[in-house]
Amino acid sequence: MSITAQLRDSVRLPGGDALVNGFAFESRGDGPRRALLESGHELEVHDLVEVFAGERAPTAVFPLPWPGWGRGVHSVSPDGSFAVFSGQRAVRAVSVGGETLWEYRHGCWGPEIGHAHTGDEQEVCRGLEHGSCRVSDDGRLVWAHVVVEPEDQDWQECWVVLDARDGRELARLPLDSAASGSHHLSHPDGIHMGLCIGMGQDGILLHWARWDGAKLTSWDLNETMDRILTDVHTGLPGFLTVEHYGADLRLHALDGAVLAEEAPEPADDEDPPCWDYGCGFVDADTVIASTVESDEDPDRARHWLLDARTLEIRGAVAYPTGPVDSCVRPLGDGTWLTYDDTSETLNRWIEAAS
């Protein structure tokens, strides 16, 4: 069965591919859905509602504190007054005017044997590894995945909770990881924070935690999981994951219990397809997932709509413009995004009325 999509909005947005194939998208429950796009030596913040209304100017612009550092996953406060950057050797909060509000120093993500830092804060060491950070939905905390260097050992990754006002460390959770990268996902309940750590061929680690002002409570789901954390939704209690290599998609309760599971729909004349990692909730009733990257033929790329509670496949999406080989980014409000690299166009879709 095919399900027809209807084009709701379309706008040219250079760099917008990072919204559907990266970590430039940031949402906060029922709050604004924003694009955090790096442009030159700046981070531009765009409200997607305003973008599709024709507003080209960003709502805020922050200078990148380390112009030579092109990795890390950054975050912007709910009110847009400051950004927090995940650097190679520090987490730094910066105001719209470019003022450094505070800095939390940590170990280097890219050290080399025998390499000593020159003292130049703009120095970037070799290596692709990076951490990530996330401002809490109430703007009071910053969660960050960092490297620390305890006296009794050379290297330790940690998840830290920082006071958003001054960068003071409130809590620390040691991690058993050797990351290539990571990303955070804020639960719409405003209490829980998720951390997904990618370790390349060594797999994925997934943690959830909450901070009550005095105690950090955390739990990992790694004895039985090798899964990428992809999305949560205000109207549902749990979260969505995809298996490391795309074998299946699962809906979980917050404690990790599996509520539903679905594998990609096979085709008789093809190798078994795999889910892409960019799946998520179109709304509280519908999940969208794609099998674009596992099909070398762009004309056979597929997006699928699934029931949000059972993950039963409802059908493949049929676009009026023909096959769309873009990854997808659901917005949780009944719509989803695709990106046309050729025209640098961001498209917003909705399921057509039957």
C-alpha atoms as a PDB file:
ATOM      1  CA  MET A   1       0.000   0.000   0.000  1.00  0.00           C
ATOM      2  CA  SER A   2       1.214   3.489  -0.827  1.00  0.00           C
ATOM      3  CA  ILE A   3       0.367   6.627   1.136  1.00  0.00           C
ATOM      4  CA  THR A   4       0.352   9.930  -0.747  1.00  0.00           C
ATOM      5  CA  ALA A   5       2.353  12.844   0.656  1.00  0.00           C
ATOM      6  CA  GLN A   6       1.342  16.450   0.113  1.00  0.00           C
ATOM      7  CA  LEU A   7       3.897  19.256  -0.121  1.00  0.00           C
ATOM      8  CA  ARG A   8       3.088  21.802   2.560  1.00  0.00           C
ATOM      9  CA  ASP A   9       6.094  24.149   2.379  1.00  0.00           C
ATOM     10  CA  SER A  10       9.276  24.541   0.398  1.00  0.00           C
ATOM     11  CA  VAL A  11      12.171  26.948   0.876  1.00  0.00           C
ATOM     12  CA  ARG A  12      15.748  27.263  -0.292  1.00  0.00           C
ATOM     13  CA  LEU A  13      18.052  26.800   2.706  1.00  0.00           C
ATOM     14  CA  PRO A  14      21.764  26.261   1.971  1.00  0.00           C
ATOM     15  CA  GLY A  15      23.250  23.875   4.504  1.00  0.00           C
ATOM     16  CA  GLY A  16      19.819  22.515   5.376  1.00  0.00           C
ATOM     17  CA  ASP A  17      20.907  18.950   4.634  1.00  0.00           C
ATOM     18  CA  ALA A  18      22.298  18.879   8.192  1.00  0.00           C
ATOM     19  CA  LEU A  19      18.688  18.947   9.395  1.00  0.00           C
ATOM     20  CA  VAL A  20      17.866  15.588   7.842  1.00  0.00           C
ATOM     21  CA  ASN A  21      21.303  13.990   7.850  1.00  0.00           C
ATOM     22  CA  GLY A  22      23.003  15.315  10.971  1.00  0.00           C
ATOM     23  CA  PHE A  23      22.393  16.936  14.334  1.00  0.00           C
ATOM     24  CA  ALA A  24      21.434  20.476  13.319  1.00  0.00           C
ATOM     25  CA  PHE A  25      17.793  19.986  14.356  1.00  0.00           C
ATOM     26  CA  GLU A  26      16.828  20.914  17.918  1.00  0.00           C
ATOM     27  CA  SER A  27      13.327  20.701  19.388  1.00  0.00           C
ATOM     28  CA  ARG A  28      11.948  21.106  22.890  1.00  0.00           C
ATOM     29  CA  GLY A  29       8.675  19.273  23.492  1.00  0.00           C
ATOM     30  CA  ASP A  30       5.884  21.417  22.125  1.00  0.00           C
ATOM     31  CA  GLY A  31       8.231  24.399  21.877  1.00  0.00           C
ATOM     32  CA  PRO A  32      10.092  25.798  18.859  1.00  0.00           C
ATOM     33  CA  ARG A  33      11.708  23.543  16.289  1.00  0.00           C
ATOM     34  CA  ARG A  34      14.978  25.085  15.251  1.00  0.00           C
ATOM     35  CA  ALA A  35      17.831  24.646  12.821  1.00  0.00           C
ATOM     36  CA  LEU A  36      21.348  25.175  14.162  1.00  0.00           C
ATOM     37  CA  LEU A  37      23.409  25.701  11.020  1.00  0.00           C
ATOM     38  CA  GLU A  38      27.109  26.469  10.875  1.00  0.00           C
ATOM     39  CA  SER A  39      27.919  29.179   8.344  1.00  0.00           C
ATOM     40  CA  GLY A  40      31.533  30.258   8.068  1.00  0.00           C
ATOM     41  CA  HIS A  41      32.698  31.099  11.597  1.00  0.00           C
ATOM     42  CA  GLU A  42      29.163  31.424  12.980  1.00  0.00           C
ATOM     43  CA  LEU A  43      26.308  29.288  14.248  1.00  0.00           C
ATOM     44  CA  GLU A  44      22.992  30.513  12.847  1.00  0.00           C
ATOM     45  CA  VAL A  45      19.752  29.690  14.653  1.00  0.00           C
ATOM     46  CA  HIS A  46      16.590  29.528  12.529  1.00  0.00           C
ATOM     47  CA  ASP A  47      13.045  28.996  13.750  1.00  0.00           C
ATOM     48  CA  LEU A  48      11.567  26.573  11.208  1.00  0.00           C
ATOM     49  CA  VAL A  49       8.123  28.168  11.381  1.00  0.00           C
ATOM     50  CA  GLU A  50       9.687  31.500  10.411  1.00  0.00           C
ATOM     51  CA  VAL A  51      11.858  29.878   7.741  1.00  0.00           C
ATOM     52  CA  PHE A  52       8.826  28.442   5.949  1.00  0.00           C
ATOM     53  CA  ALA A  53       7.031  31.785   6.342  1.00  0.00           C
ATOM     54  CA  GLY A  54       9.768  33.329   4.214  1.00  0.00           C
ATOM     55  CA  GLU A  55      12.067  34.735   6.888  1.00  0.00           C
ATOM     56  CA  ARG A  56      15.651  34.342   5.674  1.00  0.00           C
ATOM     57  CA  ALA A  57      17.396  36.038   8.602  1.00  0.00           C
ATOM     58  CA  PRO A  58      18.326  33.834  11.571  1.00  0.00           C
ATOM     59  CA  THR A  59      16.716  34.501  14.943  1.00  0.00           C
ATOM     60  CA  ALA A  60      20.174  34.496  16.557  1.00  0.00           C
ATOM     61  CA  VAL A  61      23.811  34.245  15.488  1.00  0.00           C
ATOM     62  CA  PHE A  62      26.685  33.054  17.688  1.00  0.00           C
ATOM     63  CA  PRO A  63      30.386  33.238  16.798  1.00  0.00           C
ATOM     64  CA  LEU A  64      32.049  29.835  16.851  1.00  0.00           C
ATOM     65  CA  PRO A  65      34.559  29.886  19.710  1.00  0.00           C
ATOM     66  CA  TRP A  66      37.025  27.608  17.883  1.00  0.00           C
ATOM     67  CA  PRO A  67      36.742  28.308  14.115  1.00  0.00           C
ATOM     68  CA  GLY A  68      39.080  25.416  13.266  1.00  0.00           C
ATOM     69  CA  TRP A  69      36.994  22.897  15.229  1.00  0.00           C
ATOM     70  CA  GLY A  70      34.309  21.412  12.980  1.00  0.00           C
ATOM     71  CA  ARG A  71      32.948  18.641  15.186  1.00  0.00           C
ATOM     72  CA  GLY A  72      30.924  18.337  18.365  1.00  0.00           C
ATOM     73  CA  VAL A  73      27.154  18.674  18.784  1.00  0.00           C
ATOM     74  CA  HIS A  74      26.116  22.051  20.155  1.00  0.00           C
ATOM     75  CA  SER A  75      22.950  23.421  21.766  1.00  0.00           C
ATOM     76  CA  VAL A  76      21.083  26.714  22.207  1.00  0.00           C
ATOM     77  CA  SER A  77      19.133  27.815  25.278  1.00  0.00           C
ATOM     78  CA  PRO A  78      15.314  27.749  25.071  1.00  0.00           C
ATOM     79  CA  ASP A  79      15.117  31.558  24.956  1.00  0.00           C
ATOM     80  CA  GLY A  80      17.933  31.802  22.402  1.00  0.00           C
ATOM     81  CA  SER A  81      20.041  34.057  24.616  1.00  0.00           C
ATOM     82  CA  PHE A  82      23.116  31.807  24.722  1.00  0.00           C
ATOM     83  CA  ALA A  83      24.646  28.825  22.968  1.00  0.00           C
ATOM     84  CA  VAL A  84      26.755  26.054  24.474  1.00  0.00           C
ATOM     85  CA  PHE A  85      29.511  24.605  22.303  1.00  0.00           C
ATOM     86  CA  SER A  86      31.076  21.157  22.632  1.00  0.00           C
ATOM     87  CA  GLY A  87      34.751  21.695  21.851  1.00  0.00           C
ATOM     88  CA  GLN A  88      37.794  19.462  21.692  1.00  0.00           C
ATOM     89  CA  ARG A  89      39.060  20.493  25.153  1.00  0.00           C
ATOM     90  CA  ALA A  90      36.205  22.515  26.664  1.00  0.00           C
ATOM     91  CA  VAL A  91      32.497  23.175  26.824  1.00  0.00           C
ATOM     92  CA  ARG A  92      31.866  26.893  26.426  1.00  0.00           C
ATOM     93  CA  ALA A  93      28.760  29.052  26.820  1.00  0.00           C
ATOM     94  CA  VAL A  94      28.609  32.106  24.546  1.00  0.00           C
ATOM     95  CA  SER A  95      26.146  34.995  24.435  1.00  0.00           C
ATOM     96  CA  VAL A  96      24.589  36.345  21.241  1.00  0.00           C
ATOM     97  CA  GLY A  97      27.080  39.206  21.385  1.00  0.00           C
ATOM     98  CA  GLY A  98      29.996  36.759  21.414  1.00  0.00           C
ATOM     99  CA  GLU A  99      30.894  37.134  25.080  1.00  0.00           C
ATOM    100  CA  THR A 100      32.190  34.015  26.799  1.00  0.00           C
ATOM    101  CA  LEU A 101      29.845  33.437  29.725  1.00  0.00           C
ATOM    102  CA  TRP A 102      31.762  30.490  31.162  1.00  0.00           C
ATOM    103  CA  GLU A 103      33.982  27.610  30.170  1.00  0.00           C
ATOM    104  CA  TYR A 104      34.243  24.059  31.497  1.00  0.00           C
ATOM    105  CA  ARG A 105      37.689  22.659  30.673  1.00  0.00           C
ATOM    106  CA  HIS A 106      38.123  18.918  30.101  1.00  0.00           C
ATOM    107  CA  GLY A 107      40.563  16.452  28.580  1.00  0.00           C
ATOM    108  CA  CYS A 108      41.371  16.433  24.861  1.00  0.00           C
ATOM    109  CA  TRP A 109      39.233  14.364  22.485  1.00  0.00           C
ATOM    110  CA  GLY A 110      42.132  14.023  20.045  1.00  0.00           C
ATOM    111  CA  PRO A 111      45.388  13.486  21.923  1.00  0.00           C
ATOM    112  CA  GLU A 112      48.458  11.981  20.299  1.00  0.00           C
ATOM    113  CA  ILE A 113      51.242  10.073  22.047  1.00  0.00           C
ATOM    114  CA  GLY A 114      53.960  12.527  22.952  1.00  0.00           C
ATOM    115  CA  HIS A 115      51.880  15.499  21.835  1.00  0.00           C
ATOM    116  CA  ALA A 116      51.797  18.544  24.101  1.00  0.00           C
ATOM    117  CA  HIS A 117      49.358  21.385  23.585  1.00  0.00           C
ATOM    118  CA  THR A 118      50.900  24.708  22.689  1.00  0.00           C
ATOM    119  CA  GLY A 119      48.630  26.717  24.947  1.00  0.00           C
ATOM    120  CA  ASP A 120      46.852  28.204  21.934  1.00  0.00           C
ATOM    121  CA  GLU A 121      43.145  27.627  22.535  1.00  0.00           C
ATOM    122  CA  GLN A 122      42.545  27.576  18.782  1.00  0.00           C
ATOM    123  CA  GLU A 123      44.852  24.597  18.294  1.00  0.00           C
ATOM    124  CA  VAL A 124      42.945  21.564  16.990  1.00  0.00           C
ATOM    125  CA  CYS A 125      44.523  18.171  17.540  1.00  0.00           C
ATOM    126  CA  ARG A 126      44.210  15.372  15.010  1.00  0.00           C
ATOM    127  CA  GLY A 127      41.371  12.891  15.385  1.00  0.00           C
ATOM    128  CA  LEU A 128      37.679  12.693  14.542  1.00  0.00           C
ATOM    129  CA  GLU A 129      36.351  11.947  18.034  1.00  0.00           C
ATOM    130  CA  HIS A 130      33.993  14.412  19.680  1.00  0.00           C
ATOM    131  CA  GLY A 131      31.439  14.847  22.429  1.00  0.00           C
ATOM    132  CA  SER A 132      28.137  16.684  22.613  1.00  0.00           C
ATOM    133  CA  CYS A 133      26.132  18.928  24.898  1.00  0.00           C
ATOM    134  CA  ARG A 134      22.510  19.892  25.481  1.00  0.00           C
ATOM    135  CA  VAL A 135      20.811  22.708  27.368  1.00  0.00           C
ATOM    136  CA  SER A 136      17.881  21.395  29.412  1.00  0.00           C
ATOM    137  CA  ASP A 137      14.383  22.413  28.395  1.00  0.00           C
ATOM    138  CA  ASP A 138      14.069  24.760  31.363  1.00  0.00           C
ATOM    139  CA  GLY A 139      17.404  26.401  30.540  1.00  0.00           C
ATOM    140  CA  ARG A 140      18.897  25.670  33.968  1.00  0.00           C
ATOM    141  CA  LEU A 141      21.266  22.809  33.194  1.00  0.00           C
ATOM    142  CA  VAL A 142      23.802  21.816  30.579  1.00  0.00           C
ATOM    143  CA  TRP A 143      24.413  18.110  30.020  1.00  0.00           C
ATOM    144  CA  ALA A 144      27.740  17.327  28.374  1.00  0.00           C
ATOM    145  CA  HIS A 145      29.670  14.254  27.234  1.00  0.00           C
ATOM    146  CA  VAL A 146      33.340  14.983  27.896  1.00  0.00           C
ATOM    147  CA  VAL A 147      36.776  13.469  28.488  1.00  0.00           C
ATOM    148  CA  VAL A 148      38.405  13.818  31.899  1.00  0.00           C
ATOM    149  CA  GLU A 149      41.931  12.936  32.982  1.00  0.00           C
ATOM    150  CA  PRO A 150      41.951  11.562  36.543  1.00  0.00           C
ATOM    151  CA  GLU A 151      45.269  11.392  38.353  1.00  0.00           C
ATOM    152  CA  ASP A 152      45.228   7.595  38.544  1.00  0.00           C
ATOM    153  CA  GLN A 153      44.499   6.942  34.862  1.00  0.00           C
ATOM    154  CA  ASP A 154      45.086   8.441  31.437  1.00  0.00           C
ATOM    155  CA  TRP A 155      41.579   8.683  30.043  1.00  0.00           C
ATOM    156  CA  GLN A 156      37.959   8.514  31.099  1.00  0.00           C
ATOM    157  CA  GLU A 157      34.803   9.621  29.374  1.00  0.00           C
ATOM    158  CA  CYS A 158      32.121  11.119  31.604  1.00  0.00           C
ATOM    159  CA  TRP A 159      28.636  12.530  31.414  1.00  0.00           C
ATOM    160  CA  VAL A 160      28.513  15.739  33.431  1.00  0.00           C
ATOM    161  CA  VAL A 161      25.674  17.981  34.568  1.00  0.00           C
ATOM    162  CA  LEU A 162      26.616  21.673  34.674  1.00  0.00           C
ATOM    163  CA  ASP A 163      24.880  24.740  36.072  1.00  0.00           C
ATOM    164  CA  ALA A 164      23.866  26.761  32.996  1.00  0.00           C
ATOM    165  CA  ARG A 165      24.517  30.038  34.852  1.00  0.00           C
ATOM    166  CA  ASP A 166      28.219  29.559  35.516  1.00  0.00           C
ATOM    167  CA  GLY A 167      29.321  26.136  34.214  1.00  0.00           C
ATOM    168  CA  ARG A 168      29.822  24.745  37.694  1.00  0.00           C
ATOM    169  CA  GLU A 169      29.834  20.933  37.746  1.00  0.00           C
ATOM    170  CA  LEU A 170      26.852  19.560  39.668  1.00  0.00           C
ATOM    171  CA  ALA A 171      27.222  15.847  38.987  1.00  0.00           C
ATOM    172  CA  ARG A 172      29.411  13.401  37.079  1.00  0.00           C
ATOM    173  CA  LEU A 173      28.768   9.916  35.722  1.00  0.00           C
ATOM    174  CA  PRO A 174      31.827   7.879  34.617  1.00  0.00           C
ATOM    175  CA  LEU A 175      31.226   6.045  31.342  1.00  0.00           C
ATOM    176  CA  ASP A 176      32.617   2.819  29.951  1.00  0.00           C
ATOM    177  CA  SER A 177      32.943   4.134  26.416  1.00  0.00           C
ATOM    178  CA  ALA A 178      35.486   5.006  23.751  1.00  0.00           C
ATOM    179  CA  ALA A 179      33.427   7.328  21.587  1.00  0.00           C
ATOM    180  CA  SER A 180      33.762   8.361  18.019  1.00  0.00           C
ATOM    181  CA  GLY A 181      30.882  10.770  18.673  1.00  0.00           C
ATOM    182  CA  SER A 182      27.677  11.271  20.623  1.00  0.00           C
ATOM    183  CA  HIS A 183      24.390  13.130  20.752  1.00  0.00           C
ATOM    184  CA  HIS A 184      21.802  14.033  23.387  1.00  0.00           C
ATOM    185  CA  LEU A 185      18.029  13.760  23.271  1.00  0.00           C
ATOM    186  CA  SER A 186      15.870  15.661  25.719  1.00  0.00           C
ATOM    187  CA  HIS A 187      12.707  13.867  26.854  1.00  0.00           C
ATOM    188  CA  PRO A 188       9.601  16.083  26.514  1.00  0.00           C
ATOM    189  CA  ASP A 189       8.732  15.446  30.170  1.00  0.00           C
ATOM    190  CA  GLY A 190      11.414  18.050  30.939  1.00  0.00           C
ATOM    191  CA  ILE A 191      13.055  15.723  33.456  1.00  0.00           C
ATOM    192  CA  HIS A 192      14.955  12.993  31.637  1.00  0.00           C
ATOM    193  CA  MET A 193      17.919  13.315  29.295  1.00  0.00           C
ATOM    194  CA  GLY A 194      19.179  10.658  26.904  1.00  0.00           C
ATOM    195  CA  LEU A 195      22.754  10.176  25.703  1.00  0.00           C
ATOM    196  CA  CYS A 196      23.675   8.031  22.701  1.00  0.00           C
ATOM    197  CA  ILE A 197      27.374   7.259  22.196  1.00  0.00           C
ATOM    198  CA  GLY A 198      28.622   5.884  18.908  1.00  0.00           C
ATOM    199  CA  MET A 199      31.812   3.812  19.052  1.00  0.00           C
ATOM    200  CA  GLY A 200      32.121   2.876  15.384  1.00  0.00           C
ATOM    201  CA  GLN A 201      32.366  -0.871  14.805  1.00  0.00           C
ATOM    202  CA  ASP A 202      32.416  -1.394  18.594  1.00  0.00           C
ATOM    203  CA  GLY A 203      28.749  -0.508  18.807  1.00  0.00           C
ATOM    204  CA  ILE A 204      26.448   1.949  20.540  1.00  0.00           C
ATOM    205  CA  LEU A 205      25.957   2.850  24.208  1.00  0.00           C
ATOM    206  CA  LEU A 206      22.667   4.315  25.421  1.00  0.00           C
ATOM    207  CA  HIS A 207      22.023   6.035  28.753  1.00  0.00           C
ATOM    208  CA  TRP A 208      19.140   7.892  30.386  1.00  0.00           C
ATOM    209  CA  ALA A 209      19.423  10.099  33.476  1.00  0.00           C
ATOM    210  CA  ARG A 210      17.678  12.739  35.557  1.00  0.00           C
ATOM    211  CA  TRP A 211      18.922  15.359  38.006  1.00  0.00           C
ATOM    212  CA  ASP A 212      16.619  16.351  40.874  1.00  0.00           C
ATOM    213  CA  GLY A 213      18.782  19.182  42.155  1.00  0.00           C
ATOM    214  CA  ALA A 214      20.664  16.988  44.601  1.00  0.00           C
ATOM    215  CA  LYS A 215      21.086  13.545  43.063  1.00  0.00           C
ATOM    216  CA  LEU A 216      21.900  12.194  39.617  1.00  0.00           C
ATOM    217  CA  THR A 217      19.927   9.041  38.850  1.00  0.00           C
ATOM    218  CA  SER A 218      21.015   7.171  35.731  1.00  0.00           C
ATOM    219  CA  TRP A 219      20.535   3.862  34.016  1.00  0.00           C
ATOM    220  CA  ASP A 220      22.121   2.314  30.952  1.00  0.00           C
ATOM    221  CA  LEU A 221      20.472  -0.076  28.551  1.00  0.00           C
ATOM    222  CA  ASN A 222      23.589  -1.674  27.179  1.00  0.00           C
ATOM    223  CA  GLU A 223      23.476  -5.298  28.308  1.00  0.00           C
ATOM    224  CA  THR A 224      20.813  -6.134  25.755  1.00  0.00           C
ATOM    225  CA  MET A 225      21.069  -3.215  23.340  1.00  0.00           C
ATOM    226  CA  ASP A 226      23.283  -2.028  20.511  1.00  0.00           C
ATOM    227  CA  ARG A 227      20.919   0.644  19.352  1.00  0.00           C
ATOM    228  CA  ILE A 228      20.835   4.251  18.176  1.00  0.00           C
ATOM    229  CA  LEU A 229      18.556   6.606  20.099  1.00  0.00           C
ATOM    230  CA  THR A 230      16.467   8.426  17.497  1.00  0.00           C
ATOM    231  CA  ASP A 231      13.377  10.175  18.867  1.00  0.00           C
ATOM    232  CA  VAL A 232      10.803  10.774  21.602  1.00  0.00           C
ATOM    233  CA  HIS A 233       7.346  12.369  21.459  1.00  0.00           C
ATOM    234  CA  THR A 234       5.246  14.400  23.871  1.00  0.00           C
ATOM    235  CA  GLY A 235       2.226  12.124  23.484  1.00  0.00           C
ATOM    236  CA  LEU A 236       4.088   8.858  24.155  1.00  0.00           C
ATOM    237  CA  PRO A 237       5.876   7.647  27.300  1.00  0.00           C
ATOM    238  CA  GLY A 238       8.931   6.007  25.781  1.00  0.00           C
ATOM    239  CA  PHE A 239      11.511   6.398  23.030  1.00  0.00           C
ATOM    240  CA  LEU A 240      12.445   5.051  19.613  1.00  0.00           C
ATOM    241  CA  THR A 241      15.659   3.260  18.619  1.00  0.00           C
ATOM    242  CA  VAL A 242      17.074   1.630  15.518  1.00  0.00           C
ATOM    243  CA  GLU A 243      19.484  -1.318  15.634  1.00  0.00           C
ATOM    244  CA  HIS A 244      23.119  -0.373  14.976  1.00  0.00           C
ATOM    245  CA  TYR A 245      23.056  -1.769  11.425  1.00  0.00           C
ATOM    246  CA  GLY A 246      19.388  -0.995  10.721  1.00  0.00           C
ATOM    247  CA  ALA A 247      18.007  -4.514  11.194  1.00  0.00           C
ATOM    248  CA  ASP A 248      14.938  -3.375  13.146  1.00  0.00           C
ATOM    249  CA  LEU A 249      13.147  -0.447  14.721  1.00  0.00           C
ATOM    250  CA  ARG A 250      11.910  -0.571  18.330  1.00  0.00           C
ATOM    251  CA  LEU A 251       9.642   1.398  20.622  1.00  0.00           C
ATOM    252  CA  HIS A 252      10.732   1.255  24.273  1.00  0.00           C
ATOM    253  CA  ALA A 253       9.355   2.236  27.635  1.00  0.00           C
ATOM    254  CA  LEU A 254      11.678   4.599  29.487  1.00  0.00           C
ATOM    255  CA  ASP A 255      13.189   1.671  31.406  1.00  0.00           C
ATOM    256  CA  GLY A 256      14.176   0.075  28.099  1.00  0.00           C
ATOM    257  CA  ALA A 257      11.405  -2.551  27.900  1.00  0.00           C
ATOM    258  CA  VAL A 258      10.490  -3.276  24.278  1.00  0.00           C
ATOM    259  CA  LEU A 259       6.901  -2.278  23.488  1.00  0.00           C
ATOM    260  CA  ALA A 260       6.992  -2.893  19.726  1.00  0.00           C
ATOM    261  CA  GLU A 261       9.417  -3.952  17.010  1.00  0.00           C
ATOM    262  CA  GLU A 262       9.459  -3.913  13.217  1.00  0.00           C
ATOM    263  CA  ALA A 263      11.946  -4.965  10.536  1.00  0.00           C
ATOM    264  CA  PRO A 264      12.057  -3.322   7.090  1.00  0.00           C
ATOM    265  CA  GLU A 265       9.703  -4.763   4.518  1.00  0.00           C
ATOM    266  CA  PRO A 266      11.709  -7.057   2.202  1.00  0.00           C
ATOM    267  CA  ALA A 267      11.470  -7.123  -1.563  1.00  0.00           C
ATOM    268  CA  ASP A 268      11.687 -10.441  -3.403  1.00  0.00           C
ATOM    269  CA  ASP A 269      14.333  -9.335  -5.870  1.00  0.00           C
ATOM    270  CA  GLU A 270      16.545  -7.290  -3.540  1.00  0.00           C
ATOM    271  CA  ASP A 271      18.930  -7.760  -0.669  1.00  0.00           C
ATOM    272  CA  PRO A 272      17.166  -7.227   2.672  1.00  0.00           C
ATOM    273  CA  PRO A 273      16.820  -3.460   3.251  1.00  0.00           C
ATOM    274  CA  CYS A 274      17.945  -1.724   6.423  1.00  0.00           C
ATOM    275  CA  TRP A 275      16.386   1.152   8.329  1.00  0.00           C
ATOM    276  CA  ASP A 276      18.262   4.449   8.242  1.00  0.00           C
ATOM    277  CA  TYR A 277      19.037   6.057  11.609  1.00  0.00           C
ATOM    278  CA  GLY A 278      16.973   9.188  10.889  1.00  0.00           C
ATOM    279  CA  CYS A 279      13.568   7.830  11.848  1.00  0.00           C
ATOM    280  CA  GLY A 280      11.091   9.325  14.301  1.00  0.00           C
ATOM    281  CA  PHE A 281       7.618  10.496  15.223  1.00  0.00           C
ATOM    282  CA  VAL A 282       5.567  12.398  12.662  1.00  0.00           C
ATOM    283  CA  ASP A 283       3.028  12.752  15.465  1.00  0.00           C
ATOM    284  CA  ALA A 284       1.757  10.689  18.409  1.00  0.00           C
ATOM    285  CA  ASP A 285       0.145   8.211  16.001  1.00  0.00           C
ATOM    286  CA  THR A 286       2.684   7.883  13.212  1.00  0.00           C
ATOM    287  CA  VAL A 287       6.376   7.078  12.796  1.00  0.00           C
ATOM    288  CA  ILE A 288       8.309   7.697   9.608  1.00  0.00           C
ATOM    289  CA  ALA A 289      11.370   5.629   8.693  1.00  0.00           C
ATOM    290  CA  SER A 290      13.443   5.294   5.541  1.00  0.00           C
ATOM    291  CA  THR A 291      15.440   2.640   3.698  1.00  0.00           C
ATOM    292  CA  VAL A 292      17.339   5.084   1.508  1.00  0.00           C
ATOM    293  CA  GLU A 293      20.946   4.292   2.365  1.00  0.00           C
ATOM    294  CA  SER A 294      20.586   0.520   1.926  1.00  0.00           C
ATOM    295  CA  ASP A 295      19.388   0.885  -1.682  1.00  0.00           C
ATOM    296  CA  GLU A 296      21.996   1.961  -4.223  1.00  0.00           C
ATOM    297  CA  ASP A 297      19.298   2.913  -6.725  1.00  0.00           C
ATOM    298  CA  PRO A 298      17.877   6.390  -5.841  1.00  0.00           C
ATOM    299  CA  ASP A 299      14.706   5.615  -7.792  1.00  0.00           C
ATOM    300  CA  ARG A 300      13.960   2.762  -5.391  1.00  0.00           C
ATOM    301  CA  ALA A 301      14.587   4.752  -2.209  1.00  0.00           C
ATOM    302  CA  ARG A 302      11.626   4.483   0.137  1.00  0.00           C
ATOM    303  CA  HIS A 303      10.112   6.272   3.109  1.00  0.00           C
ATOM    304  CA  TRP A 304       7.615   4.337   5.199  1.00  0.00           C
ATOM    305  CA  LEU A 305       4.847   5.333   7.592  1.00  0.00           C
ATOM    306  CA  LEU A 306       4.298   3.080  10.619  1.00  0.00           C
ATOM    307  CA  ASP A 307       1.820   2.956  13.466  1.00  0.00           C
ATOM    308  CA  ALA A 308       3.496   4.746  16.403  1.00  0.00           C
ATOM    309  CA  ARG A 309       2.343   2.250  19.032  1.00  0.00           C
ATOM    310  CA  THR A 310       2.677  -1.091  17.231  1.00  0.00           C
ATOM    311  CA  LEU A 311       5.262  -0.092  14.578  1.00  0.00           C
ATOM    312  CA  GLU A 312       3.199  -2.003  12.037  1.00  0.00           C
ATOM    313  CA  ILE A 313       4.038  -0.701   8.562  1.00  0.00           C
ATOM    314  CA  ARG A 314       1.099   1.244   7.126  1.00  0.00           C
ATOM    315  CA  GLY A 315       2.660   1.756   3.714  1.00  0.00           C
ATOM    316  CA  ALA A 316       5.332   3.406   1.564  1.00  0.00           C
ATOM    317  CA  VAL A 317       5.172   7.149   0.971  1.00  0.00           C
ATOM    318  CA  ALA A 318       4.340   8.226  -2.582  1.00  0.00           C
ATOM    319  CA  TYR A 319       5.547  11.741  -3.399  1.00  0.00           C
ATOM    320  CA  PRO A 320       3.810  13.782  -6.127  1.00  0.00           C
ATOM    321  CA  THR A 321       7.239  14.879  -7.413  1.00  0.00           C
ATOM    322  CA  GLY A 322       8.456  11.299  -7.871  1.00  0.00           C
ATOM    323  CA  PRO A 323      10.942   9.299  -5.771  1.00  0.00           C
ATOM    324  CA  VAL A 324      12.688  11.243  -2.990  1.00  0.00           C
ATOM    325  CA  ASP A 325      16.097   9.848  -2.040  1.00  0.00           C
ATOM    326  CA  SER A 326      16.643  12.204   0.888  1.00  0.00           C
ATOM    327  CA  CYS A 327      16.788  11.124   4.510  1.00  0.00           C
ATOM    328  CA  VAL A 328      13.852  12.359   6.588  1.00  0.00           C
ATOM    329  CA  ARG A 329      13.365  14.484   9.706  1.00  0.00           C
ATOM    330  CA  PRO A 330       9.942  14.232  11.350  1.00  0.00           C
ATOM    331  CA  LEU A 331       8.864  17.320  13.296  1.00  0.00           C
ATOM    332  CA  GLY A 332       6.363  15.677  15.647  1.00  0.00           C
ATOM    333  CA  ASP A 333       3.550  18.005  14.562  1.00  0.00           C
ATOM    334  CA  GLY A 334       2.195  15.864  11.714  1.00  0.00           C
ATOM    335  CA  THR A 335       4.847  16.900   9.187  1.00  0.00           C
ATOM    336  CA  TRP A 336       8.313  15.814   8.100  1.00  0.00           C
ATOM    337  CA  LEU A 337      11.277  17.294   6.225  1.00  0.00           C
ATOM    338  CA  THR A 338      13.299  16.163   3.230  1.00  0.00           C
ATOM    339  CA  TYR A 339      16.155  17.997   1.525  1.00  0.00           C
ATOM    340  CA  ASP A 340      17.038  18.312  -2.165  1.00  0.00           C
ATOM    341  CA  ASP A 341      20.812  18.682  -2.415  1.00  0.00           C
ATOM    342  CA  THR A 342      20.718  19.780  -6.051  1.00  0.00           C
ATOM    343  CA  SER A 343      18.472  22.800  -5.477  1.00  0.00           C
ATOM    344  CA  GLU A 344      19.397  23.254  -1.779  1.00  0.00           C
ATOM    345  CA  THR A 345      15.693  23.112  -1.010  1.00  0.00           C
ATOM    346  CA  LEU A 346      14.125  22.112   2.284  1.00  0.00           C
ATOM    347  CA  ASN A 347      10.689  20.532   1.782  1.00  0.00           C
ATOM    348  CA  ARG A 348       8.034  20.010   4.423  1.00  0.00           C
ATOM    349  CA  TRP A 349       5.439  17.262   3.846  1.00  0.00           C
ATOM    350  CA  ILE A 350       2.175  16.098   5.331  1.00  0.00           C
ATOM    351  CA  GLU A 351       0.134  12.994   4.712  1.00  0.00           C
ATOM    352  CA  ALA A 352      -2.512  13.831   2.110  1.00  0.00           C
ATOM    353  CA  ALA A 353      -6.134  13.557   3.158  1.00  0.00           C
ATOM    354  CA  SER A 354      -7.701  10.373   1.871  1.00  0.00           C
END
